[in-house]
């Protein structure tokens, strides 16, 4: 039985048996894709994890799995080396048997900004688009979601999820190595859909918004977080080449423009609930993510600008309702 079998069974229970079969085949193909040559290493690291049942699992206030005493029969440094096999760790932080996985992003800060503005997740089916290794998905389970489907095409993130799932053994949260373009058209299945840090990577932001809308049931809630710029309605930034050293940034709207895009795509009760300038404390390199990070993406003489001269990353959270 694969780690995803309980999820496929849930899909069958909500009249999605045909999709469950297709998804199982596609997911297996994706996980067999060894483009970077690291899959055998990751699979071996998963196989080498100790079979420990954590004494505690905390998902609401933080993601904390077990305590240090749970690990006493297994060498701690060997365990840390296994976890670091899955570098880079971008979303978190995690506490795993009191080992602090200090990820690039303080994703808990973003969650704290989002949570007060969204509907209760109690008993809801949730889709987390571009959710990385599933950090926010675990927090959604902590808030009472009955099922969280995380999707992200980056394979190492699915493997990081599987590492956490090895110990948590949840039947409510699954991260699959697919993109939103692999979701069925007009699915209308989920009560809540999150898209955080995705929109600006899409060539067509309106197409992405329609994809999100089609994943929601009527009356379902969209939670969208994206880069924004200051400006009036109709304004957006389209970088000439890179933005903050990222090649795949296409459109960065102003807040009024983003609200307009949501309305044009048929969403109702559209509002912006939070704006935040990304700080060097929220995104930074650590021993768990040793590549370049925000400090390297900003002009060292003027951190209000990127190295390309654009406004430094500013993010906003939008809430909307599907028609």
C-alpha atoms as a PDB file:
ATOM      1  CA  UNK A   1       0.000   0.000   0.000  1.00  0.00           C
ATOM      2  CA  UNK A   2       1.377   3.411  -0.952  1.00  0.00           C
ATOM      3  CA  UNK A   3       1.362   6.404   1.378  1.00  0.00           C
ATOM      4  CA  UNK A   4      -1.464   7.848  -0.749  1.00  0.00           C
ATOM      5  CA  UNK A   5      -3.863   4.893  -0.641  1.00  0.00           C
ATOM      6  CA  UNK A   6      -6.077   6.398   2.119  1.00  0.00           C
ATOM      7  CA  UNK A   7      -6.433   9.522  -0.002  1.00  0.00           C
ATOM      8  CA  UNK A   8      -7.480   7.555  -3.061  1.00  0.00           C
ATOM      9  CA  UNK A   9     -10.033   5.776  -0.889  1.00  0.00           C
ATOM     10  CA  UNK A  10     -11.374   9.137   0.252  1.00  0.00           C
ATOM     11  CA  UNK A  11     -11.722  10.258  -3.366  1.00  0.00           C
ATOM     12  CA  UNK A  12     -13.745   7.134  -4.066  1.00  0.00           C
ATOM     13  CA  UNK A  13     -15.991   7.964  -1.104  1.00  0.00           C
ATOM     14  CA  UNK A  14     -16.803  11.377  -2.624  1.00  0.00           C
ATOM     15  CA  UNK A  15     -17.671   9.952  -6.051  1.00  0.00           C
ATOM     16  CA  UNK A  16     -14.252  10.503  -7.589  1.00  0.00           C
ATOM     17  CA  UNK A  17     -13.301   6.869  -8.214  1.00  0.00           C
ATOM     18  CA  UNK A  18     -12.286   7.437 -11.843  1.00  0.00           C
ATOM     19  CA  UNK A  19     -10.032  10.344 -10.920  1.00  0.00           C
ATOM     20  CA  UNK A  20      -8.567   8.323  -8.040  1.00  0.00           C
ATOM     21  CA  UNK A  21      -7.423   5.634 -10.480  1.00  0.00           C
ATOM     22  CA  UNK A  22      -5.902   8.155 -12.892  1.00  0.00           C
ATOM     23  CA  UNK A  23      -4.248  10.049 -10.069  1.00  0.00           C
ATOM     24  CA  UNK A  24      -2.726   6.884  -8.614  1.00  0.00           C
ATOM     25  CA  UNK A  25      -1.163   6.033 -11.973  1.00  0.00           C
ATOM     26  CA  UNK A  26       0.092   9.562 -12.602  1.00  0.00           C
ATOM     27  CA  UNK A  27       1.507   9.968  -9.095  1.00  0.00           C
ATOM     28  CA  UNK A  28       3.409   6.685  -9.404  1.00  0.00           C
ATOM     29  CA  UNK A  29       4.867   7.876 -12.711  1.00  0.00           C
ATOM     30  CA  UNK A  30       5.908  11.201 -11.197  1.00  0.00           C
ATOM     31  CA  UNK A  31       7.615   9.545  -8.237  1.00  0.00           C
ATOM     32  CA  UNK A  32       9.461   7.231 -10.626  1.00  0.00           C
ATOM     33  CA  UNK A  33      10.824  10.255 -12.492  1.00  0.00           C
ATOM     34  CA  UNK A  34      14.490  10.453 -11.484  1.00  0.00           C
ATOM     35  CA  UNK A  35      15.360  13.540 -13.525  1.00  0.00           C
ATOM     36  CA  UNK A  36      17.796  14.844 -10.913  1.00  0.00           C
ATOM     37  CA  UNK A  37      19.158  11.432  -9.973  1.00  0.00           C
ATOM     38  CA  UNK A  38      18.242  11.836  -6.292  1.00  0.00           C
ATOM     39  CA  UNK A  39      15.195   9.609  -5.958  1.00  0.00           C
ATOM     40  CA  UNK A  40      17.155   6.468  -4.944  1.00  0.00           C
ATOM     41  CA  UNK A  41      18.915   8.521  -2.255  1.00  0.00           C
ATOM     42  CA  UNK A  42      15.619   9.890  -0.963  1.00  0.00           C
ATOM     43  CA  UNK A  43      13.948   6.489  -1.012  1.00  0.00           C
ATOM     44  CA  UNK A  44      16.834   4.942   0.898  1.00  0.00           C
ATOM     45  CA  UNK A  45      16.721   7.720   3.488  1.00  0.00           C
ATOM     46  CA  UNK A  46      12.994   7.104   3.985  1.00  0.00           C
ATOM     47  CA  UNK A  47      13.647   3.376   4.350  1.00  0.00           C
ATOM     48  CA  UNK A  48      16.349   4.078   6.954  1.00  0.00           C
ATOM     49  CA  UNK A  49      14.080   6.154   9.195  1.00  0.00           C
ATOM     50  CA  UNK A  50      13.501   4.575  12.592  1.00  0.00           C
ATOM     51  CA  UNK A  51      10.103   2.992  13.247  1.00  0.00           C
ATOM     52  CA  UNK A  52       9.189   5.260  16.133  1.00  0.00           C
ATOM     53  CA  UNK A  53       5.685   6.164  17.291  1.00  0.00           C
ATOM     54  CA  UNK A  54       5.947   9.752  18.581  1.00  0.00           C
ATOM     55  CA  UNK A  55       4.736  10.280  22.124  1.00  0.00           C
ATOM     56  CA  UNK A  56       3.083  13.546  21.030  1.00  0.00           C
ATOM     57  CA  UNK A  57       1.961  15.170  17.780  1.00  0.00           C
ATOM     58  CA  UNK A  58       1.089  18.883  17.879  1.00  0.00           C
ATOM     59  CA  UNK A  59      -0.265  20.480  14.708  1.00  0.00           C
ATOM     60  CA  UNK A  60      -2.321  23.465  15.827  1.00  0.00           C
ATOM     61  CA  UNK A  61       0.075  25.861  17.567  1.00  0.00           C
ATOM     62  CA  UNK A  62       3.134  24.518  15.724  1.00  0.00           C
ATOM     63  CA  UNK A  63       4.248  21.354  13.949  1.00  0.00           C
ATOM     64  CA  UNK A  64       5.933  19.401  16.704  1.00  0.00           C
ATOM     65  CA  UNK A  65       6.394  15.648  16.438  1.00  0.00           C
ATOM     66  CA  UNK A  66       7.591  13.685  19.445  1.00  0.00           C
ATOM     67  CA  UNK A  67      10.162  14.564  22.084  1.00  0.00           C
ATOM     68  CA  UNK A  68      13.890  13.932  22.306  1.00  0.00           C
ATOM     69  CA  UNK A  69      13.399  10.911  24.584  1.00  0.00           C
ATOM     70  CA  UNK A  70      11.511   9.137  21.768  1.00  0.00           C
ATOM     71  CA  UNK A  71      14.745   9.033  19.772  1.00  0.00           C
ATOM     72  CA  UNK A  72      17.104   7.685  22.419  1.00  0.00           C
ATOM     73  CA  UNK A  73      17.428   4.261  20.751  1.00  0.00           C
ATOM     74  CA  UNK A  74      18.569   5.854  17.479  1.00  0.00           C
ATOM     75  CA  UNK A  75      21.715   7.934  16.974  1.00  0.00           C
ATOM     76  CA  UNK A  76      20.679  11.594  16.846  1.00  0.00           C
ATOM     77  CA  UNK A  77      23.364  12.723  14.391  1.00  0.00           C
ATOM     78  CA  UNK A  78      22.536   9.858  12.039  1.00  0.00           C
ATOM     79  CA  UNK A  79      18.910  10.964  12.201  1.00  0.00           C
ATOM     80  CA  UNK A  80      19.827  14.586  11.437  1.00  0.00           C
ATOM     81  CA  UNK A  81      21.901  13.428   8.470  1.00  0.00           C
ATOM     82  CA  UNK A  82      18.913  11.484   7.149  1.00  0.00           C
ATOM     83  CA  UNK A  83      16.682  14.563   7.386  1.00  0.00           C
ATOM     84  CA  UNK A  84      19.288  16.708   5.632  1.00  0.00           C
ATOM     85  CA  UNK A  85      19.247  14.262   2.726  1.00  0.00           C
ATOM     86  CA  UNK A  86      16.086  16.129   1.695  1.00  0.00           C
ATOM     87  CA  UNK A  87      17.758  19.554   1.422  1.00  0.00           C
ATOM     88  CA  UNK A  88      16.588  22.250   0.739  1.00  0.00           C
ATOM     89  CA  UNK A  89      14.001  22.653   3.486  1.00  0.00           C
ATOM     90  CA  UNK A  90      12.075  25.750   2.450  1.00  0.00           C
ATOM     91  CA  UNK A  91       8.759  25.698   4.364  1.00  0.00           C
ATOM     92  CA  UNK A  92       8.403  25.178   8.086  1.00  0.00           C
ATOM     93  CA  UNK A  93       9.655  25.260  10.819  1.00  0.00           C
ATOM     94  CA  UNK A  94       9.321  21.739  12.168  1.00  0.00           C
ATOM     95  CA  UNK A  95      10.221  20.277  15.540  1.00  0.00           C
ATOM     96  CA  UNK A  96      10.990  16.591  15.022  1.00  0.00           C
ATOM     97  CA  UNK A  97      11.928  14.808  18.263  1.00  0.00           C
ATOM     98  CA  UNK A  98      13.089  18.247  19.475  1.00  0.00           C
ATOM     99  CA  UNK A  99      15.358  18.673  16.444  1.00  0.00           C
ATOM    100  CA  UNK A 100      14.624  22.150  15.130  1.00  0.00           C
ATOM    101  CA  UNK A 101      14.349  22.113  11.330  1.00  0.00           C
ATOM    102  CA  UNK A 102      14.944  25.811  10.770  1.00  0.00           C
ATOM    103  CA  UNK A 103      13.554  26.232   7.274  1.00  0.00           C
ATOM    104  CA  UNK A 104      14.202  29.091   4.844  1.00  0.00           C
ATOM    105  CA  UNK A 105      10.717  30.501   5.376  1.00  0.00           C
ATOM    106  CA  UNK A 106       9.051  31.221   8.693  1.00  0.00           C
ATOM    107  CA  UNK A 107       5.861  29.817   7.221  1.00  0.00           C
ATOM    108  CA  UNK A 108       4.279  29.955  10.664  1.00  0.00           C
ATOM    109  CA  UNK A 109       4.369  33.756  10.450  1.00  0.00           C
ATOM    110  CA  UNK A 110       2.392  33.679   7.211  1.00  0.00           C
ATOM    111  CA  UNK A 111      -0.069  31.247   8.769  1.00  0.00           C
ATOM    112  CA  UNK A 112      -0.548  33.564  11.751  1.00  0.00           C
ATOM    113  CA  UNK A 113      -1.365  36.416   9.349  1.00  0.00           C
ATOM    114  CA  UNK A 114      -3.830  34.336   7.325  1.00  0.00           C
ATOM    115  CA  UNK A 115      -5.659  32.340  10.006  1.00  0.00           C
ATOM    116  CA  UNK A 116      -7.671  35.151  11.659  1.00  0.00           C
ATOM    117  CA  UNK A 117      -9.318  36.051   8.331  1.00  0.00           C
ATOM    118  CA  UNK A 118     -10.483  32.700   6.988  1.00  0.00           C
ATOM    119  CA  UNK A 119     -13.562  30.630   7.689  1.00  0.00           C
ATOM    120  CA  UNK A 120     -13.209  27.812  10.186  1.00  0.00           C
ATOM    121  CA  UNK A 121     -11.564  24.774   8.605  1.00  0.00           C
ATOM    122  CA  UNK A 122     -13.398  22.399  10.914  1.00  0.00           C
ATOM    123  CA  UNK A 123     -14.734  19.486   8.859  1.00  0.00           C
ATOM    124  CA  UNK A 124     -13.780  21.053   5.521  1.00  0.00           C
ATOM    125  CA  UNK A 125     -12.136  19.481   2.487  1.00  0.00           C
ATOM    126  CA  UNK A 126      -9.149  21.666   1.581  1.00  0.00           C
ATOM    127  CA  UNK A 127      -6.889  21.980  -1.462  1.00  0.00           C
ATOM    128  CA  UNK A 128      -3.455  23.537  -0.862  1.00  0.00           C
ATOM    129  CA  UNK A 129      -2.028  24.564  -4.240  1.00  0.00           C
ATOM    130  CA  UNK A 130       1.757  24.917  -4.388  1.00  0.00           C
ATOM    131  CA  UNK A 131       1.940  23.923  -0.751  1.00  0.00           C
ATOM    132  CA  UNK A 132       5.554  22.751  -0.864  1.00  0.00           C
ATOM    133  CA  UNK A 133       6.302  20.059   1.707  1.00  0.00           C
ATOM    134  CA  UNK A 134       2.893  20.438   3.323  1.00  0.00           C
ATOM    135  CA  UNK A 135       3.717  22.637   6.315  1.00  0.00           C
ATOM    136  CA  UNK A 136       0.555  24.700   5.997  1.00  0.00           C
ATOM    137  CA  UNK A 137      -1.412  21.525   5.308  1.00  0.00           C
ATOM    138  CA  UNK A 138      -0.394  20.143   8.692  1.00  0.00           C
ATOM    139  CA  UNK A 139      -1.552  23.388  10.300  1.00  0.00           C
ATOM    140  CA  UNK A 140      -4.878  23.024   8.445  1.00  0.00           C
ATOM    141  CA  UNK A 141      -5.297  19.559   9.930  1.00  0.00           C
ATOM    142  CA  UNK A 142      -4.545  21.131  13.300  1.00  0.00           C
ATOM    143  CA  UNK A 143      -7.486  23.471  12.689  1.00  0.00           C
ATOM    144  CA  UNK A 144      -9.816  20.532  12.117  1.00  0.00           C
ATOM    145  CA  UNK A 145      -9.858  20.020   8.332  1.00  0.00           C
ATOM    146  CA  UNK A 146     -11.308  16.607   7.458  1.00  0.00           C
ATOM    147  CA  UNK A 147      -9.079  16.235   4.371  1.00  0.00           C
ATOM    148  CA  UNK A 148      -6.197  18.306   2.977  1.00  0.00           C
ATOM    149  CA  UNK A 149      -4.866  17.655  -0.517  1.00  0.00           C
ATOM    150  CA  UNK A 150      -1.566  19.428  -1.053  1.00  0.00           C
ATOM    151  CA  UNK A 151      -0.170  19.631  -4.566  1.00  0.00           C
ATOM    152  CA  UNK A 152       3.310  20.702  -5.633  1.00  0.00           C
ATOM    153  CA  UNK A 153       5.264  19.374  -8.636  1.00  0.00           C
ATOM    154  CA  UNK A 154       8.673  19.669  -6.924  1.00  0.00           C
ATOM    155  CA  UNK A 155       9.582  16.089  -6.024  1.00  0.00           C
ATOM    156  CA  UNK A 156      11.761  16.808  -3.008  1.00  0.00           C
ATOM    157  CA  UNK A 157       8.801  18.485  -1.317  1.00  0.00           C
ATOM    158  CA  UNK A 158       6.701  15.332  -1.668  1.00  0.00           C
ATOM    159  CA  UNK A 159       9.565  13.372  -0.165  1.00  0.00           C
ATOM    160  CA  UNK A 160       9.819  15.805   2.767  1.00  0.00           C
ATOM    161  CA  UNK A 161       6.099  15.327   3.304  1.00  0.00           C
ATOM    162  CA  UNK A 162       6.582  11.547   3.291  1.00  0.00           C
ATOM    163  CA  UNK A 163       9.269  11.890   5.947  1.00  0.00           C
ATOM    164  CA  UNK A 164       6.858  13.735   8.251  1.00  0.00           C
ATOM    165  CA  UNK A 165       4.011  11.376   7.375  1.00  0.00           C
ATOM    166  CA  UNK A 166       6.231   8.419   8.324  1.00  0.00           C
ATOM    167  CA  UNK A 167       5.903   9.574  11.928  1.00  0.00           C
ATOM    168  CA  UNK A 168       2.551  11.407  11.980  1.00  0.00           C
ATOM    169  CA  UNK A 169       0.602   8.696  10.100  1.00  0.00           C
ATOM    170  CA  UNK A 170      -2.283  11.039   9.314  1.00  0.00           C
ATOM    171  CA  UNK A 171      -5.268   9.936   7.245  1.00  0.00           C
ATOM    172  CA  UNK A 172      -6.224  13.588   6.657  1.00  0.00           C
ATOM    173  CA  UNK A 173      -3.279  15.144   4.790  1.00  0.00           C
ATOM    174  CA  UNK A 174      -1.528  14.142   1.578  1.00  0.00           C
ATOM    175  CA  UNK A 175       0.961  16.023  -0.613  1.00  0.00           C
ATOM    176  CA  UNK A 176       1.036  14.816  -4.215  1.00  0.00           C
ATOM    177  CA  UNK A 177       3.731  15.688  -6.795  1.00  0.00           C
ATOM    178  CA  UNK A 178       1.405  17.333  -9.305  1.00  0.00           C
ATOM    179  CA  UNK A 179       0.487  20.851 -10.428  1.00  0.00           C
ATOM    180  CA  UNK A 180      -2.923  22.468 -10.639  1.00  0.00           C
ATOM    181  CA  UNK A 181      -2.910  21.862 -14.394  1.00  0.00           C
ATOM    182  CA  UNK A 182      -3.262  18.160 -13.562  1.00  0.00           C
ATOM    183  CA  UNK A 183      -6.503  18.671 -11.632  1.00  0.00           C
ATOM    184  CA  UNK A 184      -9.759  17.702 -13.360  1.00  0.00           C
ATOM    185  CA  UNK A 185     -11.682  20.526 -15.031  1.00  0.00           C
ATOM    186  CA  UNK A 186     -14.708  21.846 -13.144  1.00  0.00           C
ATOM    187  CA  UNK A 187     -14.050  19.586 -10.186  1.00  0.00           C
ATOM    188  CA  UNK A 188     -16.052  21.669  -7.661  1.00  0.00           C
ATOM    189  CA  UNK A 189     -14.974  19.416  -4.788  1.00  0.00           C
ATOM    190  CA  UNK A 190     -13.249  21.497  -2.119  1.00  0.00           C
ATOM    191  CA  UNK A 191     -14.719  23.729   0.575  1.00  0.00           C
ATOM    192  CA  UNK A 192     -11.539  25.824   0.815  1.00  0.00           C
ATOM    193  CA  UNK A 193      -8.725  26.327  -1.686  1.00  0.00           C
ATOM    194  CA  UNK A 194      -5.405  27.925  -0.743  1.00  0.00           C
ATOM    195  CA  UNK A 195      -3.038  29.347  -3.357  1.00  0.00           C
ATOM    196  CA  UNK A 196      -0.144  31.004  -1.561  1.00  0.00           C
ATOM    197  CA  UNK A 197       2.954  32.116  -3.449  1.00  0.00           C
ATOM    198  CA  UNK A 198       1.813  30.700  -6.793  1.00  0.00           C
ATOM    199  CA  UNK A 199      -0.010  33.329  -8.862  1.00  0.00           C
ATOM    200  CA  UNK A 200       3.061  35.299  -9.952  1.00  0.00           C
ATOM    201  CA  UNK A 201       4.644  32.106 -11.295  1.00  0.00           C
ATOM    202  CA  UNK A 202       1.770  31.576 -13.738  1.00  0.00           C
ATOM    203  CA  UNK A 203       1.940  32.962 -17.277  1.00  0.00           C
ATOM    204  CA  UNK A 204      -1.788  33.643 -17.186  1.00  0.00           C
ATOM    205  CA  UNK A 205      -2.983  34.821 -13.761  1.00  0.00           C
ATOM    206  CA  UNK A 206      -6.623  34.843 -14.857  1.00  0.00           C
ATOM    207  CA  UNK A 207      -6.376  31.246 -16.026  1.00  0.00           C
ATOM    208  CA  UNK A 208      -4.954  30.325 -12.632  1.00  0.00           C
ATOM    209  CA  UNK A 209      -7.827  32.070 -10.872  1.00  0.00           C
ATOM    210  CA  UNK A 210     -10.334  30.161 -12.997  1.00  0.00           C
ATOM    211  CA  UNK A 211      -8.535  26.885 -12.213  1.00  0.00           C
ATOM    212  CA  UNK A 212      -8.853  27.683  -8.519  1.00  0.00           C
ATOM    213  CA  UNK A 213     -12.525  28.597  -8.897  1.00  0.00           C
ATOM    214  CA  UNK A 214     -13.255  25.295 -10.665  1.00  0.00           C
ATOM    215  CA  UNK A 215     -11.739  23.349  -7.768  1.00  0.00           C
ATOM    216  CA  UNK A 216     -14.159  24.993  -5.319  1.00  0.00           C
ATOM    217  CA  UNK A 217     -17.713  24.012  -4.607  1.00  0.00           C
ATOM    218  CA  UNK A 218     -20.292  26.787  -4.935  1.00  0.00           C
ATOM    219  CA  UNK A 219     -19.890  29.070  -1.936  1.00  0.00           C
ATOM    220  CA  UNK A 220     -16.430  27.697  -1.157  1.00  0.00           C
ATOM    221  CA  UNK A 221     -13.651  29.985   0.036  1.00  0.00           C
ATOM    222  CA  UNK A 222     -10.508  30.984  -1.840  1.00  0.00           C
ATOM    223  CA  UNK A 223      -7.477  32.063   0.189  1.00  0.00           C
ATOM    224  CA  UNK A 224      -4.880  33.602  -2.102  1.00  0.00           C
ATOM    225  CA  UNK A 225      -1.526  35.122  -1.199  1.00  0.00           C
ATOM    226  CA  UNK A 226       0.699  36.714  -3.810  1.00  0.00           C
ATOM    227  CA  UNK A 227       3.353  39.325  -4.452  1.00  0.00           C
ATOM    228  CA  UNK A 228       1.906  42.787  -5.004  1.00  0.00           C
ATOM    229  CA  UNK A 229       3.117  46.268  -5.896  1.00  0.00           C
ATOM    230  CA  UNK A 230       1.845  49.655  -4.806  1.00  0.00           C
ATOM    231  CA  UNK A 231      -0.406  51.240  -7.396  1.00  0.00           C
ATOM    232  CA  UNK A 232      -3.866  51.941  -8.708  1.00  0.00           C
ATOM    233  CA  UNK A 233      -6.390  49.620 -10.338  1.00  0.00           C
ATOM    234  CA  UNK A 234      -5.079  48.334 -13.643  1.00  0.00           C
ATOM    235  CA  UNK A 235      -1.429  48.509 -12.642  1.00  0.00           C
ATOM    236  CA  UNK A 236       0.811  45.440 -12.540  1.00  0.00           C
ATOM    237  CA  UNK A 237       4.520  44.751 -12.882  1.00  0.00           C
ATOM    238  CA  UNK A 238       5.790  42.403 -15.578  1.00  0.00           C
ATOM    239  CA  UNK A 239       9.547  42.004 -15.062  1.00  0.00           C
ATOM    240  CA  UNK A 240      11.709  42.221 -18.175  1.00  0.00           C
ATOM    241  CA  UNK A 241      13.768  39.184 -17.202  1.00  0.00           C
ATOM    242  CA  UNK A 242      14.173  38.259 -13.538  1.00  0.00           C
ATOM    243  CA  UNK A 243      12.509  39.492 -10.370  1.00  0.00           C
ATOM    244  CA  UNK A 244      14.515  38.941  -7.171  1.00  0.00           C
ATOM    245  CA  UNK A 245      16.660  36.568  -9.258  1.00  0.00           C
ATOM    246  CA  UNK A 246      13.605  34.468 -10.157  1.00  0.00           C
ATOM    247  CA  UNK A 247      13.101  33.790 -13.859  1.00  0.00           C
ATOM    248  CA  UNK A 248       9.533  32.557 -13.567  1.00  0.00           C
ATOM    249  CA  UNK A 249       7.796  35.721 -12.349  1.00  0.00           C
ATOM    250  CA  UNK A 250       5.221  36.967 -14.841  1.00  0.00           C
ATOM    251  CA  UNK A 251       2.727  39.395 -13.303  1.00  0.00           C
ATOM    252  CA  UNK A 252       2.792  41.219  -9.961  1.00  0.00           C
ATOM    253  CA  UNK A 253      -0.469  43.172  -9.562  1.00  0.00           C
ATOM    254  CA  UNK A 254      -1.372  46.094  -7.377  1.00  0.00           C
ATOM    255  CA  UNK A 255      -3.926  45.278  -4.686  1.00  0.00           C
ATOM    256  CA  UNK A 256      -6.784  47.017  -6.589  1.00  0.00           C
ATOM    257  CA  UNK A 257      -5.793  45.127  -9.752  1.00  0.00           C
ATOM    258  CA  UNK A 258      -5.814  41.813  -7.901  1.00  0.00           C
ATOM    259  CA  UNK A 259      -9.272  42.562  -6.548  1.00  0.00           C
ATOM    260  CA  UNK A 260     -10.418  43.376 -10.086  1.00  0.00           C
ATOM    261  CA  UNK A 261      -8.969  40.118 -11.441  1.00  0.00           C
ATOM    262  CA  UNK A 262     -10.860  38.153  -8.796  1.00  0.00           C
ATOM    263  CA  UNK A 263     -14.130  39.911  -9.596  1.00  0.00           C
ATOM    264  CA  UNK A 264     -13.615  39.456 -13.351  1.00  0.00           C
ATOM    265  CA  UNK A 265     -13.240  35.713 -12.709  1.00  0.00           C
ATOM    266  CA  UNK A 266     -16.606  35.636 -10.973  1.00  0.00           C
ATOM    267  CA  UNK A 267     -15.554  35.538  -7.334  1.00  0.00           C
ATOM    268  CA  UNK A 268     -17.788  37.259  -4.803  1.00  0.00           C
ATOM    269  CA  UNK A 269     -17.181  39.049  -1.507  1.00  0.00           C
ATOM    270  CA  UNK A 270     -13.634  39.810  -2.604  1.00  0.00           C
ATOM    271  CA  UNK A 271     -11.334  41.564  -0.151  1.00  0.00           C
ATOM    272  CA  UNK A 272      -7.694  42.095   0.771  1.00  0.00           C
ATOM    273  CA  UNK A 273      -7.144  41.194   4.417  1.00  0.00           C
ATOM    274  CA  UNK A 274      -3.402  41.609   4.909  1.00  0.00           C
ATOM    275  CA  UNK A 275      -0.375  43.307   3.360  1.00  0.00           C
ATOM    276  CA  UNK A 276       3.155  42.558   4.503  1.00  0.00           C
ATOM    277  CA  UNK A 277       6.651  43.544   3.353  1.00  0.00           C
ATOM    278  CA  UNK A 278       8.752  40.374   3.471  1.00  0.00           C
ATOM    279  CA  UNK A 279      11.526  40.792   6.037  1.00  0.00           C
ATOM    280  CA  UNK A 280      15.011  39.330   6.193  1.00  0.00           C
ATOM    281  CA  UNK A 281      13.902  37.492   9.337  1.00  0.00           C
ATOM    282  CA  UNK A 282      11.014  35.772   7.569  1.00  0.00           C
ATOM    283  CA  UNK A 283      12.999  34.454   4.581  1.00  0.00           C
ATOM    284  CA  UNK A 284      16.668  33.621   4.996  1.00  0.00           C
ATOM    285  CA  UNK A 285      19.322  30.980   4.462  1.00  0.00           C
ATOM    286  CA  UNK A 286      19.840  28.463   7.279  1.00  0.00           C
ATOM    287  CA  UNK A 287      21.770  25.232   7.812  1.00  0.00           C
ATOM    288  CA  UNK A 288      18.665  23.479   6.459  1.00  0.00           C
ATOM    289  CA  UNK A 289      18.518  25.647   3.319  1.00  0.00           C
ATOM    290  CA  UNK A 290      22.005  26.752   2.379  1.00  0.00           C
ATOM    291  CA  UNK A 291      21.293  28.311  -1.017  1.00  0.00           C
ATOM    292  CA  UNK A 292      20.783  32.007  -1.676  1.00  0.00           C
ATOM    293  CA  UNK A 293      17.785  33.630  -0.012  1.00  0.00           C
ATOM    294  CA  UNK A 294      16.108  37.036   0.335  1.00  0.00           C
ATOM    295  CA  UNK A 295      19.228  38.907   1.473  1.00  0.00           C
ATOM    296  CA  UNK A 296      20.915  37.904  -1.793  1.00  0.00           C
ATOM    297  CA  UNK A 297      17.921  38.995  -3.858  1.00  0.00           C
ATOM    298  CA  UNK A 298      17.873  42.597  -2.602  1.00  0.00           C
ATOM    299  CA  UNK A 299      20.051  45.561  -3.507  1.00  0.00           C
ATOM    300  CA  UNK A 300      22.698  45.652  -0.738  1.00  0.00           C
ATOM    301  CA  UNK A 301      22.727  49.452  -0.918  1.00  0.00           C
ATOM    302  CA  UNK A 302      18.926  49.792  -0.777  1.00  0.00           C
ATOM    303  CA  UNK A 303      16.943  46.813   0.481  1.00  0.00           C
ATOM    304  CA  UNK A 304      13.691  48.496  -0.566  1.00  0.00           C
ATOM    305  CA  UNK A 305      14.601  47.288  -4.063  1.00  0.00           C
ATOM    306  CA  UNK A 306      15.505  43.961  -5.628  1.00  0.00           C
ATOM    307  CA  UNK A 307      18.915  43.508  -7.251  1.00  0.00           C
ATOM    308  CA  UNK A 308      17.176  44.294 -10.566  1.00  0.00           C
ATOM    309  CA  UNK A 309      15.827  47.606  -9.236  1.00  0.00           C
ATOM    310  CA  UNK A 310      12.192  46.558  -8.765  1.00  0.00           C
ATOM    311  CA  UNK A 311      10.265  47.119  -5.511  1.00  0.00           C
ATOM    312  CA  UNK A 312      11.253  44.597  -2.829  1.00  0.00           C
ATOM    313  CA  UNK A 313       8.861  41.683  -2.246  1.00  0.00           C
ATOM    314  CA  UNK A 314       5.580  42.725  -0.698  1.00  0.00           C
ATOM    315  CA  UNK A 315       2.812  40.199  -0.194  1.00  0.00           C
ATOM    316  CA  UNK A 316      -0.928  40.468   0.275  1.00  0.00           C
ATOM    317  CA  UNK A 317      -3.630  37.999   1.274  1.00  0.00           C
ATOM    318  CA  UNK A 318      -6.987  37.956  -0.505  1.00  0.00           C
ATOM    319  CA  UNK A 319     -10.181  36.149   0.467  1.00  0.00           C
ATOM    320  CA  UNK A 320     -13.009  35.462  -1.981  1.00  0.00           C
ATOM    321  CA  UNK A 321     -16.071  33.263  -2.389  1.00  0.00           C
ATOM    322  CA  UNK A 322     -16.819  30.995  -5.339  1.00  0.00           C
ATOM    323  CA  UNK A 323     -20.140  31.671  -7.090  1.00  0.00           C
END
